[in-house]
């Protein structure tokens, strides 16, 4: 079960990384992230997407290692802490997308992604105990 959860969560997080990479290069998908205020993210703040791209790629690797899909470079205790941080991030994403975003696209697309990721991540944490 941990194996499959690791794969599912890593796919979700790598898809999010791809979204931010596309946004960094100017794709008109800005309504799905960062409050949805801009269809195309302004060049002066695209560095945020670039940073998020690397954070999500790192997270995908962490989930793959946590699910014993790959053998990477980190200690399991550090990985567990990172998984908890990503779980909290998903929880914040749920609240942020429901309460603070003005974009219906972000609310209707990213909120379910965050809910699924949050639940699966909690299950993954519980299963490792």
C-alpha atoms as a PDB file:
ATOM      1  CA  UNK A   1       0.000   0.000   0.000  1.00  0.00           C
ATOM      2  CA  UNK A   2       2.833   2.408   0.873  1.00  0.00           C
ATOM      3  CA  UNK A   3       4.368   1.677  -2.520  1.00  0.00           C
ATOM      4  CA  UNK A   4       1.206   2.718  -4.387  1.00  0.00           C
ATOM      5  CA  UNK A   5       0.603   5.783  -2.239  1.00  0.00           C
ATOM      6  CA  UNK A   6       4.173   6.885  -2.878  1.00  0.00           C
ATOM      7  CA  UNK A   7       3.638   6.542  -6.631  1.00  0.00           C
ATOM      8  CA  UNK A   8       0.286   8.376  -6.613  1.00  0.00           C
ATOM      9  CA  UNK A   9       1.569  11.229  -4.464  1.00  0.00           C
ATOM     10  CA  UNK A  10       4.751  11.577  -6.478  1.00  0.00           C
ATOM     11  CA  UNK A  11       2.739  11.759  -9.720  1.00  0.00           C
ATOM     12  CA  UNK A  12       0.547  14.498  -8.235  1.00  0.00           C
ATOM     13  CA  UNK A  13       3.517  16.468  -6.991  1.00  0.00           C
ATOM     14  CA  UNK A  14       5.529  16.056 -10.218  1.00  0.00           C
ATOM     15  CA  UNK A  15       2.464  17.270 -12.160  1.00  0.00           C
ATOM     16  CA  UNK A  16       2.420  20.321  -9.914  1.00  0.00           C
ATOM     17  CA  UNK A  17       6.135  20.816 -10.603  1.00  0.00           C
ATOM     18  CA  UNK A  18       5.445  20.649 -14.343  1.00  0.00           C
ATOM     19  CA  UNK A  19       2.675  23.236 -13.958  1.00  0.00           C
ATOM     20  CA  UNK A  20       5.075  25.639 -12.264  1.00  0.00           C
ATOM     21  CA  UNK A  21       7.753  25.041 -14.882  1.00  0.00           C
ATOM     22  CA  UNK A  22       5.231  25.870 -17.612  1.00  0.00           C
ATOM     23  CA  UNK A  23       4.205  28.997 -15.713  1.00  0.00           C
ATOM     24  CA  UNK A  24       7.841  30.012 -15.402  1.00  0.00           C
ATOM     25  CA  UNK A  25       8.138  29.872 -19.192  1.00  0.00           C
ATOM     26  CA  UNK A  26       4.978  31.969 -19.650  1.00  0.00           C
ATOM     27  CA  UNK A  27       2.180  29.455 -20.142  1.00  0.00           C
ATOM     28  CA  UNK A  28      -1.276  31.034 -19.704  1.00  0.00           C
ATOM     29  CA  UNK A  29      -2.194  28.888 -16.681  1.00  0.00           C
ATOM     30  CA  UNK A  30      -1.761  31.465 -13.944  1.00  0.00           C
ATOM     31  CA  UNK A  31      -5.439  31.343 -12.972  1.00  0.00           C
ATOM     32  CA  UNK A  32      -4.785  27.956 -11.356  1.00  0.00           C
ATOM     33  CA  UNK A  33      -2.104  29.090  -8.888  1.00  0.00           C
ATOM     34  CA  UNK A  34      -0.978  31.882  -6.597  1.00  0.00           C
ATOM     35  CA  UNK A  35      -4.439  33.342  -6.107  1.00  0.00           C
ATOM     36  CA  UNK A  36      -5.321  33.164  -9.801  1.00  0.00           C
ATOM     37  CA  UNK A  37      -4.959  36.911 -10.349  1.00  0.00           C
ATOM     38  CA  UNK A  38      -2.993  36.654 -13.587  1.00  0.00           C
ATOM     39  CA  UNK A  39      -3.586  34.440 -16.594  1.00  0.00           C
ATOM     40  CA  UNK A  40       0.089  34.816 -17.456  1.00  0.00           C
ATOM     41  CA  UNK A  41       2.376  35.238 -14.465  1.00  0.00           C
ATOM     42  CA  UNK A  42       4.283  38.559 -14.700  1.00  0.00           C
ATOM     43  CA  UNK A  43       7.967  38.128 -15.497  1.00  0.00           C
ATOM     44  CA  UNK A  44       9.027  39.904 -12.325  1.00  0.00           C
ATOM     45  CA  UNK A  45       7.477  37.204 -10.104  1.00  0.00           C
ATOM     46  CA  UNK A  46       8.085  34.095 -12.210  1.00  0.00           C
ATOM     47  CA  UNK A  47      11.057  33.260 -10.014  1.00  0.00           C
ATOM     48  CA  UNK A  48       8.452  32.030  -7.492  1.00  0.00           C
ATOM     49  CA  UNK A  49       7.330  29.417 -10.021  1.00  0.00           C
ATOM     50  CA  UNK A  50      10.935  28.416 -10.628  1.00  0.00           C
ATOM     51  CA  UNK A  51      11.530  27.936  -6.896  1.00  0.00           C
ATOM     52  CA  UNK A  52       8.260  26.002  -6.538  1.00  0.00           C
ATOM     53  CA  UNK A  53       9.289  23.799  -9.478  1.00  0.00           C
ATOM     54  CA  UNK A  54      12.386  22.674  -7.585  1.00  0.00           C
ATOM     55  CA  UNK A  55      10.530  22.292  -4.285  1.00  0.00           C
ATOM     56  CA  UNK A  56       7.899  20.077  -5.922  1.00  0.00           C
ATOM     57  CA  UNK A  57      10.538  18.011  -7.754  1.00  0.00           C
ATOM     58  CA  UNK A  58      12.306  17.493  -4.447  1.00  0.00           C
ATOM     59  CA  UNK A  59       8.985  16.514  -2.856  1.00  0.00           C
ATOM     60  CA  UNK A  60       8.314  14.004  -5.619  1.00  0.00           C
ATOM     61  CA  UNK A  61      11.677  12.364  -4.989  1.00  0.00           C
ATOM     62  CA  UNK A  62      10.957  12.291  -1.258  1.00  0.00           C
ATOM     63  CA  UNK A  63       7.609  10.541  -1.795  1.00  0.00           C
ATOM     64  CA  UNK A  64       9.253   8.038  -4.139  1.00  0.00           C
ATOM     65  CA  UNK A  65      11.896   7.252  -1.542  1.00  0.00           C
ATOM     66  CA  UNK A  66       9.332   7.109   1.281  1.00  0.00           C
ATOM     67  CA  UNK A  67       7.340   4.573  -0.727  1.00  0.00           C
ATOM     68  CA  UNK A  68      10.511   2.509  -1.310  1.00  0.00           C
ATOM     69  CA  UNK A  69      10.257   3.059  -5.052  1.00  0.00           C
ATOM     70  CA  UNK A  70      13.724   4.562  -5.317  1.00  0.00           C
ATOM     71  CA  UNK A  71      16.717   4.637  -3.043  1.00  0.00           C
ATOM     72  CA  UNK A  72      17.819   8.229  -2.706  1.00  0.00           C
ATOM     73  CA  UNK A  73      20.193  10.052  -0.459  1.00  0.00           C
ATOM     74  CA  UNK A  74      18.253  10.929   2.698  1.00  0.00           C
ATOM     75  CA  UNK A  75      17.744   9.484   6.129  1.00  0.00           C
ATOM     76  CA  UNK A  76      14.240   8.108   6.750  1.00  0.00           C
ATOM     77  CA  UNK A  77      13.729  10.430   9.743  1.00  0.00           C
ATOM     78  CA  UNK A  78      14.433  13.472   7.605  1.00  0.00           C
ATOM     79  CA  UNK A  79      12.151  12.131   4.881  1.00  0.00           C
ATOM     80  CA  UNK A  80       9.391  11.589   7.448  1.00  0.00           C
ATOM     81  CA  UNK A  81       9.739  15.208   8.586  1.00  0.00           C
ATOM     82  CA  UNK A  82       9.594  16.437   4.979  1.00  0.00           C
ATOM     83  CA  UNK A  83       6.455  14.340   4.362  1.00  0.00           C
ATOM     84  CA  UNK A  84       4.844  15.947   7.409  1.00  0.00           C
ATOM     85  CA  UNK A  85       5.764  19.407   6.069  1.00  0.00           C
ATOM     86  CA  UNK A  86       4.262  18.617   2.672  1.00  0.00           C
ATOM     87  CA  UNK A  87       1.127  17.294   4.388  1.00  0.00           C
ATOM     88  CA  UNK A  88       0.821  20.575   6.280  1.00  0.00           C
ATOM     89  CA  UNK A  89       1.367  22.413   2.995  1.00  0.00           C
ATOM     90  CA  UNK A  90      -1.543  20.490   1.453  1.00  0.00           C
ATOM     91  CA  UNK A  91      -3.692  21.386   4.447  1.00  0.00           C
ATOM     92  CA  UNK A  92      -2.783  25.036   3.998  1.00  0.00           C
ATOM     93  CA  UNK A  93      -3.574  24.671   0.285  1.00  0.00           C
ATOM     94  CA  UNK A  94      -7.068  23.461   1.104  1.00  0.00           C
ATOM     95  CA  UNK A  95      -7.734  26.408   3.403  1.00  0.00           C
ATOM     96  CA  UNK A  96      -6.079  28.921   1.089  1.00  0.00           C
ATOM     97  CA  UNK A  97      -7.918  27.751  -2.006  1.00  0.00           C
ATOM     98  CA  UNK A  98     -11.293  27.718  -0.256  1.00  0.00           C
ATOM     99  CA  UNK A  99     -10.979  30.941   1.725  1.00  0.00           C
ATOM    100  CA  UNK A 100      -8.500  33.276   0.078  1.00  0.00           C
ATOM    101  CA  UNK A 101      -8.439  32.723  -3.666  1.00  0.00           C
ATOM    102  CA  UNK A 102     -10.580  34.813  -5.984  1.00  0.00           C
ATOM    103  CA  UNK A 103     -10.093  32.374  -8.848  1.00  0.00           C
ATOM    104  CA  UNK A 104     -12.838  29.832  -9.447  1.00  0.00           C
ATOM    105  CA  UNK A 105     -10.419  27.816 -11.596  1.00  0.00           C
ATOM    106  CA  UNK A 106      -7.919  27.558  -8.764  1.00  0.00           C
ATOM    107  CA  UNK A 107     -10.654  26.728  -6.274  1.00  0.00           C
ATOM    108  CA  UNK A 108     -12.264  24.006  -8.387  1.00  0.00           C
ATOM    109  CA  UNK A 109      -9.035  22.408  -9.641  1.00  0.00           C
ATOM    110  CA  UNK A 110      -6.390  22.860  -6.969  1.00  0.00           C
ATOM    111  CA  UNK A 111      -8.606  22.355  -3.901  1.00  0.00           C
ATOM    112  CA  UNK A 112      -9.508  18.758  -4.839  1.00  0.00           C
ATOM    113  CA  UNK A 113      -5.852  18.093  -5.662  1.00  0.00           C
ATOM    114  CA  UNK A 114      -4.869  19.370  -2.216  1.00  0.00           C
ATOM    115  CA  UNK A 115      -7.639  17.376  -0.490  1.00  0.00           C
ATOM    116  CA  UNK A 116      -6.618  14.125  -2.191  1.00  0.00           C
ATOM    117  CA  UNK A 117      -2.921  14.783  -1.530  1.00  0.00           C
ATOM    118  CA  UNK A 118      -3.603  15.694   2.103  1.00  0.00           C
ATOM    119  CA  UNK A 119      -5.644  12.543   2.776  1.00  0.00           C
ATOM    120  CA  UNK A 120      -3.237  10.217   0.973  1.00  0.00           C
ATOM    121  CA  UNK A 121      -0.270  11.807   2.697  1.00  0.00           C
ATOM    122  CA  UNK A 122      -1.877  11.331   6.119  1.00  0.00           C
ATOM    123  CA  UNK A 123      -2.619   7.700   5.269  1.00  0.00           C
ATOM    124  CA  UNK A 124       0.987   7.266   4.154  1.00  0.00           C
ATOM    125  CA  UNK A 125       2.240   8.694   7.439  1.00  0.00           C
ATOM    126  CA  UNK A 126      -0.076   6.472   9.491  1.00  0.00           C
ATOM    127  CA  UNK A 127       0.895   3.329   7.563  1.00  0.00           C
ATOM    128  CA  UNK A 128       4.574   3.854   8.295  1.00  0.00           C
ATOM    129  CA  UNK A 129       3.988   3.681  12.053  1.00  0.00           C
END
